[in-house]
Amino acid sequence: MSGSPLGDAALDQLFREARTYNSWSDAPVSDADLRALYDLVKMGPTSANASPARFVFVKSAEGREKLAGFVGPNNKDKVLTAPVTVIIGMEMNFHERLPELFPHADARSWFAHNDELRRETAFRNSALQGAYLILAARALGFDTGPMSGFAKPLVDAAFFAGTTIETNFICTLGKGTTEKLFGRSPRLSFEDAAQIV
């Protein structure tokens, strides 16, 4: 099913007026909100429908305090004050679910004995799913603050111990405030960043 172009209001909300937020109101994000968010995210395309992303929605004060101990100094307050910080993980053995998720072919065999391909696919596609999460959150009226300033081995040990999941990046989520909002940074022009061949 192809659709019609979205109107300016939707494009503004998703892209043109959307920002990366650094401070947060105390407006709550409910468990139902997070389920609605995931129900959108899961529909985004991934290679062979692999869906390698795994999400930890860190909401509790204890969880936020723990996660804040593993982020850089500039990110600590963001994690402590945001209603939720999402850890976007990547299941390194995603291929084990491919018979269920991609039954059209023996896709599991494409990855089973190729660690490099499996890692590359997990990273690329979980990053895609993290981007879907940002856009889905904006579509639902929330703001986000993606970040990579954290100690990955410590986050992995604290939140994914005993699993084959590794952290890709983290992202705060809630209703942002303008208190610590930077001016809009410049973007590259089409001529600088793209070509048509």
N, C-alpha and C. Protein backbone atom coordinates (compact mmCIF):
# COMPACT_ATOMS: atom_id res chain seq x y z
N MET A 1 0.84 -1.18 0.00
CA MET A 1 0.00 0.00 0.00
C MET A 1 0.88 1.24 0.00
N SER A 2 0.80 2.04 -1.02
CA SER A 2 1.54 3.30 -1.03
C SER A 2 0.63 4.40 -0.51
N GLY A 3 1.24 5.40 0.11
CA GLY A 3 0.44 6.45 0.72
C GLY A 3 0.65 7.78 0.04
N SER A 4 0.03 8.79 0.58
CA SER A 4 0.19 10.15 0.11
C SER A 4 1.24 10.84 0.96
N PRO A 5 1.88 11.88 0.43
CA PRO A 5 2.87 12.61 1.24
C PRO A 5 2.22 13.16 2.51
N LEU A 6 2.99 13.14 3.59
CA LEU A 6 2.51 13.73 4.84
C LEU A 6 2.45 15.25 4.70
N GLY A 7 1.59 15.85 5.48
CA GLY A 7 1.48 17.31 5.48
C GLY A 7 2.63 17.96 6.22
N ASP A 8 2.72 19.27 6.10
CA ASP A 8 3.81 20.01 6.72
C ASP A 8 3.86 19.84 8.23
N ALA A 9 2.70 19.77 8.88
CA ALA A 9 2.69 19.63 10.34
C ALA A 9 3.38 18.34 10.77
N ALA A 10 3.08 17.24 10.08
CA ALA A 10 3.71 15.96 10.41
C ALA A 10 5.20 15.99 10.09
N LEU A 11 5.58 16.57 8.95
CA LEU A 11 6.99 16.64 8.59
C LEU A 11 7.76 17.52 9.56
N ASP A 12 7.14 18.59 10.03
CA ASP A 12 7.77 19.44 11.04
C ASP A 12 8.00 18.65 12.33
N GLN A 13 6.97 17.90 12.76
CA GLN A 13 7.07 17.14 14.01
C GLN A 13 8.13 16.04 13.94
N LEU A 14 8.22 15.40 12.79
CA LEU A 14 9.17 14.29 12.64
C LEU A 14 10.59 14.75 12.35
N PHE A 15 10.74 15.84 11.59
CA PHE A 15 12.06 16.23 11.11
C PHE A 15 12.41 17.70 11.32
N ARG A 16 11.67 18.60 10.69
CA ARG A 16 12.13 19.98 10.57
C ARG A 16 12.18 20.74 11.89
N GLU A 17 11.20 20.48 12.77
CA GLU A 17 11.17 21.17 14.06
C GLU A 17 11.61 20.27 15.21
N ALA A 18 11.82 19.00 14.95
CA ALA A 18 12.24 18.07 16.00
C ALA A 18 13.68 18.37 16.41
N ARG A 19 13.97 18.15 17.68
CA ARG A 19 15.29 18.46 18.20
C ARG A 19 15.79 17.32 19.08
N THR A 20 17.09 17.37 19.40
CA THR A 20 17.68 16.49 20.40
C THR A 20 17.63 17.23 21.73
N TYR A 21 16.91 16.68 22.69
CA TYR A 21 16.68 17.38 23.95
C TYR A 21 17.69 16.96 25.02
N ASN A 22 18.03 17.94 25.87
CA ASN A 22 19.02 17.74 26.94
C ASN A 22 18.42 17.91 28.33
N SER A 23 17.19 18.41 28.42
CA SER A 23 16.52 18.56 29.70
C SER A 23 15.06 18.14 29.54
N TRP A 24 14.46 17.78 30.67
CA TRP A 24 13.20 17.05 30.60
C TRP A 24 12.19 17.56 31.61
N SER A 25 10.93 17.59 31.21
CA SER A 25 9.86 17.88 32.16
C SER A 25 9.58 16.61 32.96
N ASP A 26 8.72 16.77 33.97
CA ASP A 26 8.37 15.58 34.77
C ASP A 26 7.13 14.87 34.24
N ALA A 27 6.71 15.19 33.01
CA ALA A 27 5.57 14.49 32.41
C ALA A 27 5.91 13.00 32.28
N PRO A 28 5.06 12.13 32.78
CA PRO A 28 5.39 10.70 32.78
C PRO A 28 5.28 10.06 31.39
N VAL A 29 5.99 8.98 31.24
CA VAL A 29 5.86 8.10 30.09
C VAL A 29 5.38 6.76 30.64
N SER A 30 4.18 6.37 30.28
CA SER A 30 3.58 5.17 30.87
C SER A 30 4.09 3.90 30.19
N ASP A 31 3.87 2.78 30.85
CA ASP A 31 4.20 1.49 30.24
C ASP A 31 3.39 1.29 28.95
N ALA A 32 2.14 1.76 28.95
CA ALA A 32 1.32 1.66 27.74
C ALA A 32 1.92 2.49 26.62
N ASP A 33 2.48 3.66 26.94
CA ASP A 33 3.17 4.47 25.93
C ASP A 33 4.34 3.70 25.33
N LEU A 34 5.10 3.02 26.16
CA LEU A 34 6.28 2.29 25.69
C LEU A 34 5.87 1.10 24.82
N ARG A 35 4.77 0.46 25.16
CA ARG A 35 4.28 -0.64 24.33
C ARG A 35 3.79 -0.12 22.97
N ALA A 36 3.10 1.03 22.99
CA ALA A 36 2.65 1.63 21.73
C ALA A 36 3.84 2.04 20.88
N LEU A 37 4.88 2.55 21.53
CA LEU A 37 6.11 2.92 20.82
C LEU A 37 6.73 1.69 20.16
N TYR A 38 6.90 0.62 20.93
CA TYR A 38 7.50 -0.58 20.35
C TYR A 38 6.65 -1.14 19.21
N ASP A 39 5.33 -1.06 19.33
CA ASP A 39 4.47 -1.59 18.28
C ASP A 39 4.67 -0.87 16.95
N LEU A 40 5.10 0.39 16.99
CA LEU A 40 5.48 1.09 15.76
C LEU A 40 6.88 0.69 15.31
N VAL A 41 7.82 0.69 16.25
CA VAL A 41 9.22 0.40 15.92
C VAL A 41 9.37 -0.95 15.24
N LYS A 42 8.66 -1.95 15.73
CA LYS A 42 8.84 -3.31 15.22
C LYS A 42 8.42 -3.45 13.76
N MET A 43 7.66 -2.47 13.25
CA MET A 43 7.20 -2.55 11.88
C MET A 43 8.22 -2.02 10.87
N GLY A 44 9.27 -1.36 11.34
CA GLY A 44 10.31 -0.85 10.43
C GLY A 44 11.10 -2.00 9.82
N PRO A 45 11.52 -1.85 8.56
CA PRO A 45 12.22 -2.94 7.88
C PRO A 45 13.63 -3.17 8.41
N THR A 46 14.01 -4.44 8.45
CA THR A 46 15.39 -4.85 8.74
C THR A 46 15.77 -5.96 7.76
N SER A 47 17.05 -6.17 7.61
CA SER A 47 17.56 -7.18 6.68
C SER A 47 17.02 -8.56 7.06
N ALA A 48 16.37 -9.21 6.10
CA ALA A 48 15.77 -10.54 6.32
C ALA A 48 14.84 -10.54 7.54
N ASN A 49 14.24 -9.39 7.83
CA ASN A 49 13.36 -9.25 8.99
C ASN A 49 14.04 -9.71 10.27
N ALA A 50 15.36 -9.52 10.35
CA ALA A 50 16.15 -10.07 11.45
C ALA A 50 15.80 -9.46 12.79
N SER A 51 15.41 -8.21 12.81
CA SER A 51 14.96 -7.55 14.04
C SER A 51 15.92 -7.77 15.21
N PRO A 52 17.21 -7.41 15.04
CA PRO A 52 18.18 -7.73 16.10
C PRO A 52 18.13 -6.81 17.30
N ALA A 53 17.44 -5.68 17.22
CA ALA A 53 17.44 -4.75 18.35
C ALA A 53 16.68 -5.34 19.54
N ARG A 54 17.22 -5.08 20.72
CA ARG A 54 16.55 -5.40 21.98
C ARG A 54 16.55 -4.13 22.80
N PHE A 55 15.44 -3.81 23.43
CA PHE A 55 15.25 -2.52 24.08
C PHE A 55 15.06 -2.71 25.59
N VAL A 56 15.83 -1.96 26.35
CA VAL A 56 15.63 -1.90 27.80
C VAL A 56 15.17 -0.48 28.10
N PHE A 57 13.93 -0.35 28.59
CA PHE A 57 13.38 0.95 28.94
C PHE A 57 13.66 1.20 30.42
N VAL A 58 14.64 2.01 30.69
CA VAL A 58 15.08 2.26 32.06
C VAL A 58 14.24 3.40 32.64
N LYS A 59 13.29 3.05 33.52
CA LYS A 59 12.34 4.01 34.08
C LYS A 59 12.53 4.23 35.57
N SER A 60 12.86 3.20 36.30
CA SER A 60 12.90 3.31 37.76
C SER A 60 14.05 4.21 38.20
N ALA A 61 13.89 4.80 39.37
CA ALA A 61 14.96 5.65 39.92
C ALA A 61 16.23 4.83 40.10
N GLU A 62 16.09 3.59 40.56
CA GLU A 62 17.25 2.72 40.75
C GLU A 62 17.95 2.43 39.42
N GLY A 63 17.16 2.13 38.40
CA GLY A 63 17.74 1.84 37.09
C GLY A 63 18.42 3.05 36.49
N ARG A 64 17.80 4.22 36.62
CA ARG A 64 18.40 5.44 36.08
C ARG A 64 19.69 5.78 36.79
N GLU A 65 19.70 5.58 38.11
CA GLU A 65 20.92 5.83 38.90
C GLU A 65 22.05 4.90 38.45
N LYS A 66 21.70 3.64 38.24
CA LYS A 66 22.70 2.67 37.79
C LYS A 66 23.26 3.06 36.43
N LEU A 67 22.37 3.35 35.48
CA LEU A 67 22.81 3.70 34.12
C LEU A 67 23.61 5.00 34.13
N ALA A 68 23.21 5.96 34.94
CA ALA A 68 23.91 7.24 35.00
C ALA A 68 25.36 7.07 35.44
N GLY A 69 25.65 6.02 36.18
CA GLY A 69 27.02 5.75 36.60
C GLY A 69 27.93 5.31 35.47
N PHE A 70 27.36 4.99 34.32
CA PHE A 70 28.14 4.47 33.19
C PHE A 70 28.22 5.43 32.01
N VAL A 71 27.67 6.63 32.17
CA VAL A 71 27.69 7.60 31.07
C VAL A 71 28.69 8.70 31.36
N GLY A 72 29.07 9.43 30.31
CA GLY A 72 30.00 10.54 30.47
C GLY A 72 29.40 11.64 31.32
N PRO A 73 30.25 12.54 31.86
CA PRO A 73 29.77 13.60 32.74
C PRO A 73 28.71 14.49 32.11
N ASN A 74 28.80 14.74 30.81
CA ASN A 74 27.81 15.59 30.15
C ASN A 74 26.46 14.91 29.97
N ASN A 75 26.42 13.60 30.12
CA ASN A 75 25.18 12.85 29.91
C ASN A 75 24.51 12.40 31.20
N LYS A 76 25.21 12.51 32.32
CA LYS A 76 24.69 11.96 33.57
C LYS A 76 23.36 12.60 33.96
N ASP A 77 23.29 13.92 33.94
CA ASP A 77 22.06 14.60 34.35
C ASP A 77 20.90 14.27 33.41
N LYS A 78 21.21 14.09 32.13
CA LYS A 78 20.17 13.74 31.17
C LYS A 78 19.51 12.41 31.54
N VAL A 79 20.33 11.44 31.88
CA VAL A 79 19.80 10.12 32.24
C VAL A 79 19.03 10.17 33.55
N LEU A 80 19.53 10.95 34.50
CA LEU A 80 18.87 11.03 35.80
C LEU A 80 17.52 11.75 35.74
N THR A 81 17.38 12.71 34.83
CA THR A 81 16.16 13.52 34.81
C THR A 81 15.15 13.10 33.76
N ALA A 82 15.56 12.39 32.73
CA ALA A 82 14.61 11.93 31.72
C ALA A 82 13.68 10.87 32.33
N PRO A 83 12.40 10.89 31.97
CA PRO A 83 11.49 9.86 32.49
C PRO A 83 11.93 8.44 32.12
N VAL A 84 12.53 8.31 30.94
CA VAL A 84 12.98 7.01 30.45
C VAL A 84 14.27 7.21 29.67
N THR A 85 15.20 6.28 29.84
CA THR A 85 16.32 6.18 28.90
C THR A 85 16.26 4.78 28.31
N VAL A 86 16.27 4.72 27.00
CA VAL A 86 16.19 3.43 26.30
C VAL A 86 17.60 2.97 25.97
N ILE A 87 17.93 1.76 26.36
CA ILE A 87 19.16 1.12 25.91
C ILE A 87 18.80 0.33 24.67
N ILE A 88 19.37 0.72 23.54
CA ILE A 88 19.13 0.00 22.30
C ILE A 88 20.24 -1.03 22.18
N GLY A 89 19.89 -2.28 22.40
CA GLY A 89 20.86 -3.36 22.33
C GLY A 89 20.77 -4.08 21.01
N MET A 90 21.75 -4.97 20.79
CA MET A 90 21.74 -5.78 19.56
C MET A 90 21.99 -7.22 19.95
N GLU A 91 21.06 -8.08 19.56
CA GLU A 91 21.17 -9.51 19.81
C GLU A 91 22.14 -10.10 18.80
N MET A 92 23.30 -10.54 19.28
CA MET A 92 24.33 -11.02 18.38
C MET A 92 23.99 -12.38 17.77
N ASN A 93 23.09 -13.10 18.40
CA ASN A 93 22.63 -14.38 17.85
C ASN A 93 21.22 -14.26 17.28
N PHE A 94 20.95 -13.11 16.67
CA PHE A 94 19.63 -12.87 16.07
C PHE A 94 19.25 -13.94 15.07
N HIS A 95 20.25 -14.55 14.46
CA HIS A 95 19.98 -15.53 13.40
C HIS A 95 19.20 -16.74 13.90
N GLU A 96 19.25 -17.01 15.20
CA GLU A 96 18.52 -18.15 15.75
C GLU A 96 17.00 -17.98 15.63
N ARG A 97 16.54 -16.73 15.49
CA ARG A 97 15.10 -16.49 15.35
C ARG A 97 14.66 -16.38 13.89
N LEU A 98 15.59 -16.49 12.95
CA LEU A 98 15.23 -16.30 11.54
C LEU A 98 14.28 -17.36 10.99
N PRO A 99 14.35 -18.62 11.43
CA PRO A 99 13.33 -19.55 10.93
C PRO A 99 11.90 -19.09 11.24
N GLU A 100 11.73 -18.38 12.35
CA GLU A 100 10.43 -17.83 12.72
C GLU A 100 10.15 -16.52 11.99
N LEU A 101 11.15 -15.65 11.94
CA LEU A 101 10.95 -14.29 11.42
C LEU A 101 11.05 -14.19 9.90
N PHE A 102 11.79 -15.12 9.28
CA PHE A 102 11.98 -15.08 7.83
C PHE A 102 11.87 -16.51 7.29
N PRO A 103 10.65 -17.06 7.30
CA PRO A 103 10.47 -18.47 6.95
C PRO A 103 10.57 -18.75 5.45
N HIS A 104 10.75 -17.72 4.62
CA HIS A 104 10.76 -17.91 3.17
C HIS A 104 12.03 -18.59 2.67
N ALA A 105 13.08 -18.57 3.50
CA ALA A 105 14.37 -19.15 3.07
C ALA A 105 15.12 -19.60 4.31
N ASP A 106 16.19 -20.37 4.09
CA ASP A 106 17.03 -20.80 5.21
C ASP A 106 18.01 -19.69 5.56
N ALA A 107 17.47 -18.55 6.05
CA ALA A 107 18.31 -17.39 6.33
C ALA A 107 19.24 -17.62 7.50
N ARG A 108 18.88 -18.51 8.41
CA ARG A 108 19.77 -18.80 9.54
C ARG A 108 21.14 -19.23 9.05
N SER A 109 21.18 -20.03 8.00
CA SER A 109 22.46 -20.56 7.50
C SER A 109 23.35 -19.47 6.91
N TRP A 110 22.77 -18.34 6.52
CA TRP A 110 23.58 -17.24 5.97
C TRP A 110 24.52 -16.66 7.03
N PHE A 111 24.08 -16.78 8.30
CA PHE A 111 24.81 -16.11 9.39
C PHE A 111 25.46 -17.07 10.38
N ALA A 112 25.03 -18.32 10.39
CA ALA A 112 25.39 -19.24 11.47
C ALA A 112 26.89 -19.40 11.64
N HIS A 113 27.64 -19.41 10.55
CA HIS A 113 29.08 -19.66 10.63
C HIS A 113 29.89 -18.47 10.14
N ASN A 114 29.31 -17.29 10.21
CA ASN A 114 29.98 -16.08 9.73
C ASN A 114 29.84 -14.98 10.78
N ASP A 115 30.77 -15.00 11.75
CA ASP A 115 30.69 -14.06 12.87
C ASP A 115 30.77 -12.61 12.40
N GLU A 116 31.60 -12.34 11.42
CA GLU A 116 31.77 -10.96 10.95
C GLU A 116 30.47 -10.44 10.32
N LEU A 117 29.84 -11.24 9.48
CA LEU A 117 28.59 -10.84 8.86
C LEU A 117 27.49 -10.68 9.90
N ARG A 118 27.48 -11.57 10.88
CA ARG A 118 26.46 -11.51 11.92
C ARG A 118 26.61 -10.22 12.73
N ARG A 119 27.84 -9.87 13.11
CA ARG A 119 28.09 -8.65 13.88
C ARG A 119 27.72 -7.42 13.07
N GLU A 120 28.14 -7.39 11.82
CA GLU A 120 27.85 -6.24 10.95
C GLU A 120 26.34 -6.07 10.77
N THR A 121 25.65 -7.18 10.57
CA THR A 121 24.19 -7.13 10.37
C THR A 121 23.47 -6.71 11.65
N ALA A 122 23.93 -7.24 12.78
CA ALA A 122 23.31 -6.87 14.06
C ALA A 122 23.49 -5.39 14.34
N PHE A 123 24.69 -4.88 14.10
CA PHE A 123 24.96 -3.47 14.37
C PHE A 123 24.15 -2.57 13.44
N ARG A 124 24.22 -2.84 12.15
CA ARG A 124 23.53 -1.98 11.18
C ARG A 124 22.03 -1.96 11.42
N ASN A 125 21.45 -3.12 11.60
CA ASN A 125 20.00 -3.19 11.70
C ASN A 125 19.46 -2.77 13.06
N SER A 126 20.22 -2.98 14.13
CA SER A 126 19.77 -2.46 15.42
C SER A 126 19.88 -0.94 15.45
N ALA A 127 20.87 -0.38 14.75
CA ALA A 127 20.97 1.07 14.63
C ALA A 127 19.77 1.61 13.85
N LEU A 128 19.39 0.91 12.78
CA LEU A 128 18.18 1.29 12.05
C LEU A 128 16.97 1.28 12.97
N GLN A 129 16.84 0.24 13.76
CA GLN A 129 15.69 0.15 14.65
C GLN A 129 15.72 1.23 15.72
N GLY A 130 16.91 1.61 16.15
CA GLY A 130 17.02 2.74 17.07
C GLY A 130 16.56 4.03 16.43
N ALA A 131 16.87 4.21 15.14
CA ALA A 131 16.39 5.39 14.42
C ALA A 131 14.88 5.34 14.27
N TYR A 132 14.33 4.16 14.01
CA TYR A 132 12.88 4.04 13.96
C TYR A 132 12.26 4.44 15.30
N LEU A 133 12.93 4.06 16.39
CA LEU A 133 12.42 4.41 17.71
C LEU A 133 12.35 5.93 17.88
N ILE A 134 13.37 6.64 17.43
CA ILE A 134 13.37 8.11 17.54
C ILE A 134 12.20 8.70 16.76
N LEU A 135 12.02 8.24 15.52
CA LEU A 135 10.92 8.77 14.70
C LEU A 135 9.55 8.37 15.24
N ALA A 136 9.44 7.13 15.73
CA ALA A 136 8.16 6.70 16.30
C ALA A 136 7.84 7.50 17.55
N ALA A 137 8.84 7.76 18.38
CA ALA A 137 8.62 8.57 19.58
C ALA A 137 8.13 9.96 19.20
N ARG A 138 8.77 10.58 18.20
CA ARG A 138 8.32 11.89 17.74
C ARG A 138 6.90 11.83 17.20
N ALA A 139 6.58 10.77 16.48
CA ALA A 139 5.23 10.62 15.92
C ALA A 139 4.19 10.52 17.03
N LEU A 140 4.57 9.97 18.17
CA LEU A 140 3.66 9.82 19.30
C LEU A 140 3.66 11.04 20.23
N GLY A 141 4.43 12.06 19.86
CA GLY A 141 4.42 13.29 20.65
C GLY A 141 5.49 13.37 21.72
N PHE A 142 6.46 12.48 21.69
CA PHE A 142 7.56 12.51 22.65
C PHE A 142 8.80 13.12 22.02
N ASP A 143 9.75 13.47 22.87
CA ASP A 143 11.05 13.97 22.44
C ASP A 143 12.11 12.96 22.81
N THR A 144 13.27 13.05 22.16
CA THR A 144 14.34 12.09 22.38
C THR A 144 15.69 12.79 22.48
N GLY A 145 16.64 12.07 23.03
CA GLY A 145 18.01 12.55 23.11
C GLY A 145 18.99 11.40 22.95
N PRO A 146 19.25 10.98 21.69
CA PRO A 146 20.18 9.87 21.47
C PRO A 146 21.60 10.26 21.87
N MET A 147 22.35 9.29 22.39
CA MET A 147 23.73 9.57 22.79
C MET A 147 24.58 8.31 22.72
N SER A 148 25.87 8.54 22.53
CA SER A 148 26.82 7.43 22.52
C SER A 148 27.93 7.63 23.55
N GLY A 149 27.82 8.62 24.40
CA GLY A 149 28.84 8.87 25.42
C GLY A 149 28.62 8.03 26.66
N PHE A 150 28.98 6.76 26.60
CA PHE A 150 28.80 5.85 27.73
C PHE A 150 29.84 4.74 27.64
N ALA A 151 30.04 4.05 28.75
CA ALA A 151 31.00 2.94 28.81
C ALA A 151 30.27 1.65 28.44
N LYS A 152 30.41 1.25 27.20
CA LYS A 152 29.67 0.10 26.68
C LYS A 152 29.88 -1.18 27.50
N PRO A 153 31.14 -1.54 27.84
CA PRO A 153 31.32 -2.79 28.61
C PRO A 153 30.57 -2.77 29.95
N LEU A 154 30.49 -1.60 30.58
CA LEU A 154 29.80 -1.51 31.87
C LEU A 154 28.29 -1.60 31.70
N VAL A 155 27.77 -0.96 30.66
CA VAL A 155 26.33 -1.06 30.39
C VAL A 155 25.97 -2.50 30.03
N ASP A 156 26.80 -3.13 29.21
CA ASP A 156 26.56 -4.54 28.85
C ASP A 156 26.53 -5.42 30.09
N ALA A 157 27.51 -5.22 30.98
CA ALA A 157 27.60 -6.06 32.18
C ALA A 157 26.42 -5.83 33.12
N ALA A 158 25.96 -4.58 33.21
CA ALA A 158 24.88 -4.25 34.15
C ALA A 158 23.51 -4.65 33.64
N PHE A 159 23.30 -4.55 32.34
CA PHE A 159 21.94 -4.75 31.81
C PHE A 159 21.79 -5.98 30.92
N PHE A 160 22.90 -6.53 30.42
CA PHE A 160 22.80 -7.67 29.51
C PHE A 160 23.66 -8.86 29.95
N ALA A 161 24.02 -8.90 31.21
CA ALA A 161 24.87 -9.99 31.70
C ALA A 161 24.20 -11.34 31.45
N GLY A 162 25.00 -12.31 31.01
CA GLY A 162 24.49 -13.65 30.77
C GLY A 162 23.71 -13.81 29.49
N THR A 163 23.73 -12.79 28.64
CA THR A 163 23.02 -12.87 27.36
C THR A 163 24.01 -12.69 26.21
N THR A 164 23.52 -12.79 25.00
CA THR A 164 24.32 -12.51 23.82
C THR A 164 23.94 -11.15 23.22
N ILE A 165 23.45 -10.27 24.08
CA ILE A 165 23.06 -8.92 23.66
C ILE A 165 24.16 -7.95 24.05
N GLU A 166 24.47 -7.01 23.15
CA GLU A 166 25.42 -5.93 23.42
C GLU A 166 24.72 -4.60 23.18
N THR A 167 25.22 -3.57 23.82
CA THR A 167 24.65 -2.23 23.66
C THR A 167 25.10 -1.61 22.35
N ASN A 168 24.17 -0.97 21.65
CA ASN A 168 24.50 -0.16 20.48
C ASN A 168 24.58 1.31 20.89
N PHE A 169 23.46 1.90 21.34
CA PHE A 169 23.48 3.26 21.85
C PHE A 169 22.34 3.44 22.84
N ILE A 170 22.28 4.61 23.48
CA ILE A 170 21.21 4.88 24.43
C ILE A 170 20.48 6.16 24.00
N CYS A 171 19.25 6.31 24.48
CA CYS A 171 18.43 7.43 24.03
C CYS A 171 17.44 7.81 25.12
N THR A 172 17.52 9.06 25.58
CA THR A 172 16.53 9.54 26.54
C THR A 172 15.21 9.79 25.83
N LEU A 173 14.13 9.74 26.63
CA LEU A 173 12.78 9.78 26.06
C LEU A 173 11.83 10.44 27.05
N GLY A 174 11.02 11.35 26.56
CA GLY A 174 10.02 12.00 27.39
C GLY A 174 9.51 13.25 26.72
N LYS A 175 9.16 14.24 27.53
CA LYS A 175 8.77 15.55 27.04
C LYS A 175 9.91 16.51 27.35
N GLY A 176 10.60 16.95 26.30
CA GLY A 176 11.76 17.81 26.50
C GLY A 176 11.37 19.23 26.88
N THR A 177 12.32 19.95 27.49
CA THR A 177 12.15 21.37 27.79
C THR A 177 13.22 22.15 27.02
N THR A 178 12.99 23.42 26.86
CA THR A 178 13.92 24.26 26.09
C THR A 178 15.07 24.78 26.95
N GLU A 179 15.10 24.40 28.21
CA GLU A 179 16.08 24.94 29.16
C GLU A 179 17.53 24.78 28.69
N LYS A 180 17.88 23.63 28.17
CA LYS A 180 19.26 23.39 27.74
C LYS A 180 19.33 23.08 26.24
N LEU A 181 18.41 23.63 25.50
CA LEU A 181 18.34 23.35 24.07
C LEU A 181 19.30 24.27 23.32
N PHE A 182 20.19 23.67 22.54
CA PHE A 182 21.12 24.45 21.73
C PHE A 182 20.38 25.02 20.52
N GLY A 183 20.95 26.07 19.94
CA GLY A 183 20.44 26.54 18.66
C GLY A 183 20.60 25.45 17.61
N ARG A 184 19.76 25.50 16.61
CA ARG A 184 19.81 24.48 15.55
C ARG A 184 21.19 24.50 14.88
N SER A 185 21.85 23.37 14.84
CA SER A 185 23.15 23.26 14.17
C SER A 185 22.95 23.19 12.67
N PRO A 186 23.94 23.64 11.89
CA PRO A 186 23.78 23.59 10.43
C PRO A 186 23.77 22.16 9.92
N ARG A 187 23.21 21.99 8.75
CA ARG A 187 23.19 20.70 8.06
C ARG A 187 23.90 20.86 6.72
N LEU A 188 24.41 19.76 6.21
CA LEU A 188 25.06 19.78 4.91
C LEU A 188 24.02 19.98 3.81
N SER A 189 24.41 20.69 2.78
CA SER A 189 23.53 20.87 1.62
C SER A 189 23.47 19.58 0.82
N PHE A 190 22.50 19.49 -0.07
CA PHE A 190 22.41 18.34 -0.97
C PHE A 190 23.71 18.18 -1.74
N GLU A 191 24.25 19.30 -2.22
CA GLU A 191 25.48 19.26 -3.05
C GLU A 191 26.66 18.73 -2.24
N ASP A 192 26.69 19.00 -0.93
CA ASP A 192 27.79 18.52 -0.09
C ASP A 192 27.66 17.05 0.27
N ALA A 193 26.43 16.57 0.37
CA ALA A 193 26.21 15.24 0.95
C ALA A 193 25.65 14.21 -0.01
N ALA A 194 25.22 14.62 -1.20
CA ALA A 194 24.52 13.67 -2.06
C ALA A 194 24.91 13.88 -3.52
N GLN A 195 24.64 12.85 -4.28
CA GLN A 195 24.79 12.97 -5.73
C GLN A 195 23.76 12.07 -6.40
N ILE A 196 23.41 12.41 -7.58
CA ILE A 196 22.48 11.61 -8.38
C ILE A 196 23.29 11.07 -9.56
N VAL A 197 23.33 9.75 -9.70
CA VAL A 197 24.15 9.16 -10.79
C VAL A 197 23.26 8.37 -11.74
